[in-house]
Amino acid sequence: MKRLLFLVLSVAMLSLSGCGVRSIPMSRNAVDAAAAEITNQYKRRADLIPNLVEVVKGYAKHEKTTLESVVSARANATAMTIDPSKATPAELARYANAQGQLSQALGRLLAISENYPNLKADANFRDLQAQLEGSENRITIARQRYIAAINDFNNQIGVFPSSIANSLFFHHSKLPQWDLEASEKKAVEKAPEVKF
């Protein structure tokens, strides 16, 4: 009798583990970790910006409005903090919008370097520009990982057999995917102009 009970419990445990009892919480943890990595990369970028602005200020004093827009966008982006595990789609959208405005301001700032050959030649500027470009790449990778983690989680809770465990034990809803703000979508849809 004990062997039969042990066998039944063993089969039940194996069945439950294959139905998402472990994988759903692990998948949710991966989503939270990926969201935290996006925040981490935004913080890294925000920490680099004051240094970049100071270098550019030395060369482009009359480009004050561009520099002020970068400082203002950085302030807006760093003032907003979210808890990725509790963020609503609206909070994520506001956060993404603030980060998008910062990206646009940085693009204008980097375009200034085209007008100032001495600035482009300055080693500090080149180093900071490389760091900033690296930060943008890291943010892109972090977003891709977040999107993949959300996709995996949504599959875990919505696809049989793990959806059974979700409906019995967890009751999770699908998570919204990372999305661009309307202004960012327009910028992405418009083909970039290259002029020589």
C-alpha atoms as a PDB file:
ATOM      1  CA  MET A   1       0.000   0.000   0.000  1.00  0.00           C
ATOM      2  CA  LYS A   2       2.831   2.393   0.884  1.00  0.00           C
ATOM      3  CA  ARG A   3       4.559   1.607  -2.384  1.00  0.00           C
ATOM      4  CA  LEU A   4       1.399   2.293  -4.335  1.00  0.00           C
ATOM      5  CA  LEU A   5       0.888   5.587  -2.504  1.00  0.00           C
ATOM      6  CA  PHE A   6       4.538   6.510  -3.133  1.00  0.00           C
ATOM      7  CA  LEU A   7       4.173   5.618  -6.807  1.00  0.00           C
ATOM      8  CA  VAL A   8       0.975   7.657  -7.152  1.00  0.00           C
ATOM      9  CA  LEU A   9       2.556  10.661  -5.418  1.00  0.00           C
ATOM     10  CA  SER A  10       5.681  10.377  -7.574  1.00  0.00           C
ATOM     11  CA  VAL A  11       3.630  10.284 -10.779  1.00  0.00           C
ATOM     12  CA  ALA A  12       1.525  13.220  -9.547  1.00  0.00           C
ATOM     13  CA  MET A  13       4.643  15.279  -8.749  1.00  0.00           C
ATOM     14  CA  LEU A  14       6.177  14.538 -12.135  1.00  0.00           C
ATOM     15  CA  SER A  15       2.925  15.412 -13.854  1.00  0.00           C
ATOM     16  CA  LEU A  16       2.594  18.683 -11.981  1.00  0.00           C
ATOM     17  CA  SER A  17       6.191  19.651 -12.660  1.00  0.00           C
ATOM     18  CA  GLY A  18       5.560  19.128 -16.356  1.00  0.00           C
ATOM     19  CA  CYS A  19       2.433  21.263 -16.161  1.00  0.00           C
ATOM     20  CA  GLY A  20       4.097  24.477 -15.075  1.00  0.00           C
ATOM     21  CA  VAL A  21       4.128  24.329 -11.291  1.00  0.00           C
ATOM     22  CA  ARG A  22       7.830  25.205 -11.337  1.00  0.00           C
ATOM     23  CA  SER A  23       8.164  26.789 -14.743  1.00  0.00           C
ATOM     24  CA  ILE A  24       5.465  29.464 -14.339  1.00  0.00           C
ATOM     25  CA  PRO A  25       7.047  31.084 -11.236  1.00  0.00           C
ATOM     26  CA  MET A  26      10.490  30.753 -12.812  1.00  0.00           C
ATOM     27  CA  SER A  27       9.197  32.390 -15.970  1.00  0.00           C
ATOM     28  CA  ARG A  28       7.646  35.240 -13.974  1.00  0.00           C
ATOM     29  CA  ASN A  29      10.962  35.745 -12.178  1.00  0.00           C
ATOM     30  CA  ALA A  30      12.704  35.936 -15.553  1.00  0.00           C
ATOM     31  CA  VAL A  31      10.276  38.681 -16.638  1.00  0.00           C
ATOM     32  CA  ASP A  32      10.984  40.673 -13.485  1.00  0.00           C
ATOM     33  CA  ALA A  33      14.743  40.232 -13.919  1.00  0.00           C
ATOM     34  CA  ALA A  34      14.583  41.328 -17.569  1.00  0.00           C
ATOM     35  CA  ALA A  35      12.555  44.420 -16.642  1.00  0.00           C
ATOM     36  CA  ALA A  36      15.059  45.277 -13.926  1.00  0.00           C
ATOM     37  CA  GLU A  37      17.879  44.986 -16.468  1.00  0.00           C
ATOM     38  CA  ILE A  38      16.181  47.574 -18.688  1.00  0.00           C
ATOM     39  CA  THR A  39      16.028  49.934 -15.713  1.00  0.00           C
ATOM     40  CA  ASN A  40      19.656  49.170 -14.930  1.00  0.00           C
ATOM     41  CA  GLN A  41      20.750  50.059 -18.470  1.00  0.00           C
ATOM     42  CA  TYR A  42      18.697  53.275 -18.438  1.00  0.00           C
ATOM     43  CA  LYS A  43      20.424  54.211 -15.170  1.00  0.00           C
ATOM     44  CA  ARG A  44      23.841  53.530 -16.703  1.00  0.00           C
ATOM     45  CA  ARG A  45      23.000  55.787 -19.633  1.00  0.00           C
ATOM     46  CA  ALA A  46      21.678  58.529 -17.347  1.00  0.00           C
ATOM     47  CA  ASP A  47      24.902  58.446 -15.358  1.00  0.00           C
ATOM     48  CA  LEU A  48      26.977  58.965 -18.524  1.00  0.00           C
ATOM     49  CA  ILE A  49      24.996  61.915 -19.848  1.00  0.00           C
ATOM     50  CA  PRO A  50      26.296  64.635 -17.477  1.00  0.00           C
ATOM     51  CA  ASN A  51      29.858  63.814 -18.529  1.00  0.00           C
ATOM     52  CA  LEU A  52      28.966  63.960 -22.215  1.00  0.00           C
ATOM     53  CA  VAL A  53      27.147  67.260 -21.764  1.00  0.00           C
ATOM     54  CA  GLU A  54      30.121  68.814 -19.953  1.00  0.00           C
ATOM     55  CA  VAL A  55      32.519  67.815 -22.738  1.00  0.00           C
ATOM     56  CA  VAL A  56      30.222  69.175 -25.417  1.00  0.00           C
ATOM     57  CA  LYS A  57      29.609  72.393 -23.482  1.00  0.00           C
ATOM     58  CA  GLY A  58      33.272  73.229 -23.756  1.00  0.00           C
ATOM     59  CA  TYR A  59      33.084  73.138 -27.551  1.00  0.00           C
ATOM     60  CA  ALA A  60      29.541  74.162 -28.355  1.00  0.00           C
ATOM     61  CA  LYS A  61      28.530  76.922 -25.981  1.00  0.00           C
ATOM     62  CA  HIS A  62      26.068  78.426 -28.433  1.00  0.00           C
ATOM     63  CA  GLU A  63      24.181  75.098 -28.761  1.00  0.00           C
ATOM     64  CA  LYS A  64      22.621  75.833 -25.400  1.00  0.00           C
ATOM     65  CA  THR A  65      19.062  74.737 -26.276  1.00  0.00           C
ATOM     66  CA  THR A  66      20.185  71.281 -27.373  1.00  0.00           C
ATOM     67  CA  LEU A  67      22.242  70.825 -24.232  1.00  0.00           C
ATOM     68  CA  GLU A  68      19.391  72.049 -22.049  1.00  0.00           C
ATOM     69  CA  SER A  69      16.973  69.643 -23.727  1.00  0.00           C
ATOM     70  CA  VAL A  70      19.306  66.732 -22.952  1.00  0.00           C
ATOM     71  CA  VAL A  71      19.612  67.808 -19.320  1.00  0.00           C
ATOM     72  CA  SER A  72      15.833  68.247 -19.059  1.00  0.00           C
ATOM     73  CA  ALA A  73      15.097  64.897 -20.725  1.00  0.00           C
ATOM     74  CA  ARG A  74      17.590  63.177 -18.422  1.00  0.00           C
ATOM     75  CA  ALA A  75      15.939  64.763 -15.407  1.00  0.00           C
ATOM     76  CA  ASN A  76      12.510  63.554 -16.556  1.00  0.00           C
ATOM     77  CA  ALA A  77      13.797  60.056 -17.303  1.00  0.00           C
ATOM     78  CA  THR A  78      15.627  59.645 -14.002  1.00  0.00           C
ATOM     79  CA  ALA A  79      12.804  61.160 -11.935  1.00  0.00           C
ATOM     80  CA  MET A  80      10.458  58.384 -13.017  1.00  0.00           C
ATOM     81  CA  THR A  81      10.948  55.041 -11.333  1.00  0.00           C
ATOM     82  CA  ILE A  82       8.767  51.979 -11.659  1.00  0.00           C
ATOM     83  CA  ASP A  83       8.583  48.598 -10.018  1.00  0.00           C
ATOM     84  CA  PRO A  84       8.639  46.240 -13.014  1.00  0.00           C
ATOM     85  CA  SER A  85       6.774  43.520 -11.130  1.00  0.00           C
ATOM     86  CA  LYS A  86       3.862  45.860 -10.294  1.00  0.00           C
ATOM     87  CA  ALA A  87       3.892  48.253 -13.248  1.00  0.00           C
ATOM     88  CA  THR A  88       0.703  48.779 -15.191  1.00  0.00           C
ATOM     89  CA  PRO A  89       0.749  49.103 -18.972  1.00  0.00           C
ATOM     90  CA  ALA A  90       0.149  52.856 -18.560  1.00  0.00           C
ATOM     91  CA  GLU A  91       3.122  53.216 -16.195  1.00  0.00           C
ATOM     92  CA  LEU A  92       5.314  51.245 -18.585  1.00  0.00           C
ATOM     93  CA  ALA A  93       4.163  53.503 -21.432  1.00  0.00           C
ATOM     94  CA  ARG A  94       5.004  56.688 -19.475  1.00  0.00           C
ATOM     95  CA  TYR A  95       8.376  55.255 -18.523  1.00  0.00           C
ATOM     96  CA  ALA A  96       9.117  54.253 -22.120  1.00  0.00           C
ATOM     97  CA  ASN A  97       8.031  57.710 -23.308  1.00  0.00           C
ATOM     98  CA  ALA A  98      10.426  59.473 -20.904  1.00  0.00           C
ATOM     99  CA  GLN A  99      13.268  57.213 -22.035  1.00  0.00           C
ATOM    100  CA  GLY A 100      12.316  57.813 -25.691  1.00  0.00           C
ATOM    101  CA  GLN A 101      12.486  61.579 -25.203  1.00  0.00           C
ATOM    102  CA  LEU A 102      15.942  61.174 -23.717  1.00  0.00           C
ATOM    103  CA  SER A 103      17.034  59.063 -26.692  1.00  0.00           C
ATOM    104  CA  GLN A 104      15.798  61.738 -29.098  1.00  0.00           C
ATOM    105  CA  ALA A 105      17.606  64.504 -27.197  1.00  0.00           C
ATOM    106  CA  LEU A 106      20.812  62.463 -27.235  1.00  0.00           C
ATOM    107  CA  GLY A 107      20.472  61.985 -30.972  1.00  0.00           C
ATOM    108  CA  ARG A 108      20.335  65.760 -31.442  1.00  0.00           C
ATOM    109  CA  LEU A 109      23.334  66.168 -29.163  1.00  0.00           C
ATOM    110  CA  LEU A 110      25.395  63.645 -31.091  1.00  0.00           C
ATOM    111  CA  ALA A 111      24.436  65.391 -34.322  1.00  0.00           C
ATOM    112  CA  ILE A 112      26.161  68.536 -33.005  1.00  0.00           C
ATOM    113  CA  SER A 113      29.459  66.718 -33.322  1.00  0.00           C
ATOM    114  CA  GLU A 114      29.101  66.833 -37.118  1.00  0.00           C
ATOM    115  CA  ASN A 115      29.315  70.640 -36.965  1.00  0.00           C
ATOM    116  CA  TYR A 116      32.376  70.719 -34.726  1.00  0.00           C
ATOM    117  CA  PRO A 117      35.426  68.893 -36.101  1.00  0.00           C
ATOM    118  CA  ASN A 118      37.436  69.714 -32.957  1.00  0.00           C
ATOM    119  CA  LEU A 119      34.759  68.109 -30.820  1.00  0.00           C
ATOM    120  CA  LYS A 120      34.805  64.962 -32.937  1.00  0.00           C
ATOM    121  CA  ALA A 121      38.567  64.801 -32.556  1.00  0.00           C
ATOM    122  CA  ASP A 122      38.500  65.206 -28.774  1.00  0.00           C
ATOM    123  CA  ALA A 123      39.406  61.896 -27.131  1.00  0.00           C
ATOM    124  CA  ASN A 124      37.068  62.479 -24.177  1.00  0.00           C
ATOM    125  CA  PHE A 125      34.133  63.067 -26.484  1.00  0.00           C
ATOM    126  CA  ARG A 126      34.949  60.004 -28.574  1.00  0.00           C
ATOM    127  CA  ASP A 127      35.210  57.844 -25.466  1.00  0.00           C
ATOM    128  CA  LEU A 128      31.954  59.139 -24.045  1.00  0.00           C
ATOM    129  CA  GLN A 129      30.222  58.784 -27.408  1.00  0.00           C
ATOM    130  CA  ALA A 130      31.386  55.167 -27.631  1.00  0.00           C
ATOM    131  CA  GLN A 131      30.101  54.552 -24.097  1.00  0.00           C
ATOM    132  CA  LEU A 132      26.772  56.141 -24.959  1.00  0.00           C
ATOM    133  CA  GLU A 133      26.430  54.078 -28.127  1.00  0.00           C
ATOM    134  CA  GLY A 134      27.290  50.986 -26.080  1.00  0.00           C
ATOM    135  CA  SER A 135      24.579  51.964 -23.588  1.00  0.00           C
ATOM    136  CA  GLU A 136      22.011  52.261 -26.358  1.00  0.00           C
ATOM    137  CA  ASN A 137      23.002  48.807 -27.602  1.00  0.00           C
ATOM    138  CA  ARG A 138      22.720  47.396 -24.083  1.00  0.00           C
ATOM    139  CA  ILE A 139      19.259  48.943 -23.719  1.00  0.00           C
ATOM    140  CA  THR A 140      18.197  47.365 -27.004  1.00  0.00           C
ATOM    141  CA  ILE A 141      19.438  43.944 -25.884  1.00  0.00           C
ATOM    142  CA  ALA A 142      17.747  44.346 -22.493  1.00  0.00           C
ATOM    143  CA  ARG A 143      14.468  45.220 -24.223  1.00  0.00           C
ATOM    144  CA  GLN A 144      14.799  42.171 -26.490  1.00  0.00           C
ATOM    145  CA  ARG A 145      15.358  39.930 -23.471  1.00  0.00           C
ATOM    146  CA  TYR A 146      12.369  41.473 -21.712  1.00  0.00           C
ATOM    147  CA  ILE A 147      10.163  40.898 -24.747  1.00  0.00           C
ATOM    148  CA  ALA A 148      11.335  37.272 -24.949  1.00  0.00           C
ATOM    149  CA  ALA A 149      10.759  36.745 -21.201  1.00  0.00           C
ATOM    150  CA  ILE A 150       7.220  38.133 -21.445  1.00  0.00           C
ATOM    151  CA  ASN A 151       6.548  35.937 -24.463  1.00  0.00           C
ATOM    152  CA  ASP A 152       7.790  32.866 -22.579  1.00  0.00           C
ATOM    153  CA  PHE A 153       5.698  33.745 -19.511  1.00  0.00           C
ATOM    154  CA  ASN A 154       2.569  34.359 -21.584  1.00  0.00           C
ATOM    155  CA  ASN A 155       3.130  31.006 -23.297  1.00  0.00           C
ATOM    156  CA  GLN A 156       3.593  29.300 -19.927  1.00  0.00           C
ATOM    157  CA  ILE A 157       0.266  30.555 -18.592  1.00  0.00           C
ATOM    158  CA  GLY A 158      -1.683  30.245 -21.826  1.00  0.00           C
ATOM    159  CA  VAL A 159      -0.527  27.037 -23.502  1.00  0.00           C
ATOM    160  CA  PHE A 160      -1.517  23.529 -22.463  1.00  0.00           C
ATOM    161  CA  PRO A 161      -0.431  21.729 -20.238  1.00  0.00           C
ATOM    162  CA  SER A 162       1.114  24.490 -18.089  1.00  0.00           C
ATOM    163  CA  SER A 163      -2.056  26.560 -18.466  1.00  0.00           C
ATOM    164  CA  ILE A 164      -3.751  23.959 -16.263  1.00  0.00           C
ATOM    165  CA  ALA A 165      -1.329  24.681 -13.423  1.00  0.00           C
ATOM    166  CA  ASN A 166      -1.883  28.412 -13.916  1.00  0.00           C
ATOM    167  CA  SER A 167      -5.659  28.055 -13.699  1.00  0.00           C
ATOM    168  CA  LEU A 168      -5.437  25.774 -10.657  1.00  0.00           C
ATOM    169  CA  PHE A 169      -2.677  27.416  -8.617  1.00  0.00           C
ATOM    170  CA  PHE A 170      -1.524  30.819  -9.862  1.00  0.00           C
ATOM    171  CA  HIS A 171      -4.281  32.659 -11.757  1.00  0.00           C
ATOM    172  CA  HIS A 172      -1.809  34.898 -13.623  1.00  0.00           C
ATOM    173  CA  SER A 173      -2.993  37.094 -16.475  1.00  0.00           C
ATOM    174  CA  LYS A 174      -1.019  37.708 -19.617  1.00  0.00           C
ATOM    175  CA  LEU A 175       1.554  40.483 -19.317  1.00  0.00           C
ATOM    176  CA  PRO A 176       1.544  43.340 -21.828  1.00  0.00           C
ATOM    177  CA  GLN A 177       4.457  43.473 -24.238  1.00  0.00           C
ATOM    178  CA  TRP A 178       6.898  46.373 -24.397  1.00  0.00           C
ATOM    179  CA  ASP A 179       5.532  48.889 -26.863  1.00  0.00           C
ATOM    180  CA  LEU A 180       6.663  52.179 -28.336  1.00  0.00           C
ATOM    181  CA  GLU A 181       4.911  55.453 -27.710  1.00  0.00           C
ATOM    182  CA  ALA A 182       3.140  57.037 -30.673  1.00  0.00           C
ATOM    183  CA  SER A 183       5.958  59.584 -31.139  1.00  0.00           C
ATOM    184  CA  GLU A 184       8.548  56.802 -31.149  1.00  0.00           C
ATOM    185  CA  LYS A 185       6.510  54.767 -33.657  1.00  0.00           C
ATOM    186  CA  LYS A 186       6.417  57.721 -36.055  1.00  0.00           C
ATOM    187  CA  ALA A 187      10.178  58.177 -35.756  1.00  0.00           C
ATOM    188  CA  VAL A 188      10.769  54.480 -36.395  1.00  0.00           C
ATOM    189  CA  GLU A 189       8.391  54.307 -39.358  1.00  0.00           C
ATOM    190  CA  LYS A 190       9.992  57.308 -41.078  1.00  0.00           C
ATOM    191  CA  ALA A 191      13.029  56.368 -43.151  1.00  0.00           C
ATOM    192  CA  PRO A 192      16.166  58.182 -41.965  1.00  0.00           C
ATOM    193  CA  GLU A 193      17.599  60.826 -44.248  1.00  0.00           C
ATOM    194  CA  VAL A 194      21.290  60.629 -45.050  1.00  0.00           C
ATOM    195  CA  LYS A 195      22.866  63.787 -46.437  1.00  0.00           C
ATOM    196  CA  PHE A 196      26.460  64.334 -47.499  1.00  0.00           C
END
